N, C-alpha and C. Protein backbone atom coordinates (compact mmCIF):
# COMPACT_ATOMS: atom_id res chain seq x y z
N MET A 1 -2.27 11.50 -4.15
CA MET A 1 -0.86 11.55 -4.39
C MET A 1 -0.13 10.70 -3.36
N ARG A 2 -0.57 10.78 -2.10
CA ARG A 2 0.09 10.00 -1.06
C ARG A 2 -0.05 8.51 -1.32
N PHE A 3 -1.25 8.07 -1.72
CA PHE A 3 -1.46 6.66 -2.01
C PHE A 3 -0.54 6.20 -3.14
N SER A 4 -0.44 7.00 -4.17
CA SER A 4 0.41 6.65 -5.31
C SER A 4 1.87 6.49 -4.89
N TRP A 5 2.35 7.42 -4.06
CA TRP A 5 3.72 7.34 -3.57
C TRP A 5 3.90 6.08 -2.73
N TRP A 6 2.95 5.83 -1.82
CA TRP A 6 3.03 4.68 -0.92
C TRP A 6 3.04 3.37 -1.70
N MET A 7 2.14 3.23 -2.67
CA MET A 7 2.06 1.99 -3.44
C MET A 7 3.32 1.78 -4.29
N THR A 8 3.83 2.84 -4.89
CA THR A 8 5.06 2.74 -5.67
C THR A 8 6.21 2.30 -4.77
N ASP A 9 6.30 2.90 -3.60
CA ASP A 9 7.37 2.55 -2.66
C ASP A 9 7.24 1.11 -2.18
N MET A 10 6.00 0.64 -1.99
CA MET A 10 5.78 -0.72 -1.51
C MET A 10 6.10 -1.76 -2.59
N LEU A 11 5.84 -1.45 -3.85
CA LEU A 11 5.98 -2.43 -4.92
C LEU A 11 7.34 -2.43 -5.60
N HIS A 12 8.17 -1.43 -5.36
CA HIS A 12 9.45 -1.33 -6.06
C HIS A 12 10.61 -1.23 -5.08
N ASP A 13 11.70 -1.85 -5.46
CA ASP A 13 12.95 -1.75 -4.70
C ASP A 13 13.84 -0.76 -5.44
N PHE A 14 14.11 0.36 -4.83
CA PHE A 14 14.89 1.39 -5.48
C PHE A 14 16.38 1.27 -5.17
N GLY A 15 16.77 0.13 -4.63
CA GLY A 15 18.17 -0.14 -4.40
C GLY A 15 18.77 0.56 -3.19
N SER A 16 17.93 1.10 -2.34
CA SER A 16 18.48 1.78 -1.15
C SER A 16 18.90 0.74 -0.13
N ASP A 17 19.85 1.11 0.68
CA ASP A 17 20.35 0.22 1.72
C ASP A 17 19.54 0.41 3.00
N LYS A 18 18.33 -0.11 3.00
CA LYS A 18 17.48 0.01 4.17
C LYS A 18 17.91 -1.00 5.22
N PRO A 19 17.69 -0.67 6.48
CA PRO A 19 17.98 -1.65 7.53
C PRO A 19 17.11 -2.91 7.35
N VAL A 20 17.60 -4.04 7.87
CA VAL A 20 16.90 -5.31 7.74
C VAL A 20 15.48 -5.21 8.29
N PHE A 21 15.30 -4.53 9.41
CA PHE A 21 13.97 -4.39 10.01
C PHE A 21 13.01 -3.72 9.03
N ASP A 22 13.44 -2.66 8.39
CA ASP A 22 12.58 -1.95 7.43
C ASP A 22 12.20 -2.84 6.25
N LYS A 23 13.14 -3.63 5.76
CA LYS A 23 12.86 -4.53 4.65
C LYS A 23 11.84 -5.59 5.06
N LYS A 24 11.99 -6.12 6.27
CA LYS A 24 11.05 -7.12 6.76
C LYS A 24 9.66 -6.52 6.95
N MET A 25 9.59 -5.28 7.39
CA MET A 25 8.30 -4.61 7.54
C MET A 25 7.64 -4.43 6.18
N GLU A 26 8.40 -4.07 5.16
CA GLU A 26 7.86 -3.91 3.81
C GLU A 26 7.30 -5.24 3.29
N ILE A 27 8.03 -6.32 3.51
CA ILE A 27 7.57 -7.64 3.07
C ILE A 27 6.29 -8.03 3.80
N SER A 28 6.25 -7.77 5.08
CA SER A 28 5.06 -8.08 5.88
C SER A 28 3.85 -7.27 5.40
N GLU A 29 4.06 -6.00 5.13
CA GLU A 29 2.98 -5.14 4.67
C GLU A 29 2.47 -5.60 3.31
N LEU A 30 3.36 -5.89 2.39
CA LEU A 30 2.97 -6.35 1.07
C LEU A 30 2.22 -7.68 1.17
N SER A 31 2.68 -8.56 2.02
CA SER A 31 2.02 -9.85 2.22
C SER A 31 0.58 -9.66 2.69
N PHE A 32 0.35 -8.72 3.60
CA PHE A 32 -1.00 -8.44 4.08
C PHE A 32 -1.91 -8.03 2.92
N PHE A 33 -1.44 -7.15 2.06
CA PHE A 33 -2.27 -6.65 0.97
C PHE A 33 -2.48 -7.69 -0.14
N ILE A 34 -1.58 -8.62 -0.27
CA ILE A 34 -1.71 -9.64 -1.30
C ILE A 34 -2.54 -10.84 -0.83
N LYS A 35 -2.37 -11.21 0.43
CA LYS A 35 -2.95 -12.47 0.92
C LYS A 35 -4.26 -12.35 1.67
N SER A 36 -4.61 -11.17 2.15
CA SER A 36 -5.85 -11.06 2.93
C SER A 36 -6.94 -10.34 2.15
N ASP A 37 -8.17 -10.77 2.35
CA ASP A 37 -9.30 -10.12 1.70
C ASP A 37 -9.43 -8.67 2.15
N THR A 38 -9.16 -8.41 3.42
CA THR A 38 -9.22 -7.04 3.93
C THR A 38 -8.19 -6.16 3.24
N GLY A 39 -6.98 -6.66 3.10
CA GLY A 39 -5.92 -5.90 2.42
C GLY A 39 -6.26 -5.62 0.97
N LYS A 40 -6.81 -6.62 0.30
CA LYS A 40 -7.21 -6.43 -1.10
C LYS A 40 -8.30 -5.38 -1.23
N LYS A 41 -9.23 -5.38 -0.27
CA LYS A 41 -10.32 -4.39 -0.29
C LYS A 41 -9.76 -2.98 -0.09
N VAL A 42 -8.84 -2.83 0.83
CA VAL A 42 -8.23 -1.52 1.09
C VAL A 42 -7.54 -1.00 -0.17
N ILE A 43 -6.74 -1.85 -0.81
CA ILE A 43 -6.05 -1.44 -2.03
C ILE A 43 -7.06 -1.04 -3.10
N ALA A 44 -8.09 -1.85 -3.29
CA ALA A 44 -9.08 -1.56 -4.32
C ALA A 44 -9.79 -0.24 -4.06
N GLU A 45 -10.20 0.00 -2.82
CA GLU A 45 -10.89 1.24 -2.48
C GLU A 45 -10.00 2.46 -2.68
N GLN A 46 -8.76 2.34 -2.28
CA GLN A 46 -7.84 3.47 -2.42
C GLN A 46 -7.46 3.70 -3.87
N TYR A 47 -7.32 2.62 -4.63
CA TYR A 47 -6.90 2.74 -6.02
C TYR A 47 -7.96 3.43 -6.88
N VAL A 48 -9.22 3.05 -6.69
CA VAL A 48 -10.29 3.63 -7.51
C VAL A 48 -10.90 4.86 -6.86
N GLY A 49 -10.62 5.07 -5.59
CA GLY A 49 -11.16 6.22 -4.87
C GLY A 49 -12.38 5.86 -4.07
N LEU A 50 -12.45 6.42 -2.91
CA LEU A 50 -13.60 6.19 -2.04
C LEU A 50 -14.76 7.05 -2.50
N PRO A 51 -15.98 6.62 -2.20
CA PRO A 51 -17.14 7.44 -2.59
C PRO A 51 -17.09 8.81 -1.92
N TYR A 52 -17.54 9.81 -2.65
CA TYR A 52 -17.59 11.15 -2.10
C TYR A 52 -18.86 11.32 -1.27
N GLU A 53 -18.74 12.08 -0.20
CA GLU A 53 -19.91 12.41 0.61
C GLU A 53 -20.76 13.41 -0.15
N ASP A 54 -22.06 13.31 0.04
CA ASP A 54 -22.97 14.29 -0.56
C ASP A 54 -22.92 15.54 0.30
N LEU A 55 -22.36 16.61 -0.23
CA LEU A 55 -22.17 17.84 0.55
C LEU A 55 -23.30 18.83 0.37
N THR A 56 -24.35 18.45 -0.36
CA THR A 56 -25.46 19.38 -0.56
C THR A 56 -26.47 19.29 0.53
């Protein structure tokens, strides 16, 4: 649920009057996930779910 909220917040502008610093941080964060292989891997792992540990 947290990932879903975070990704929705990162990808959509809900028209709030955020301070300039916050907007720049959002752009920087989105840029990391779009342009870097590491960022793409993180998104992919979180989106499909990480493997579960064998608890037996």
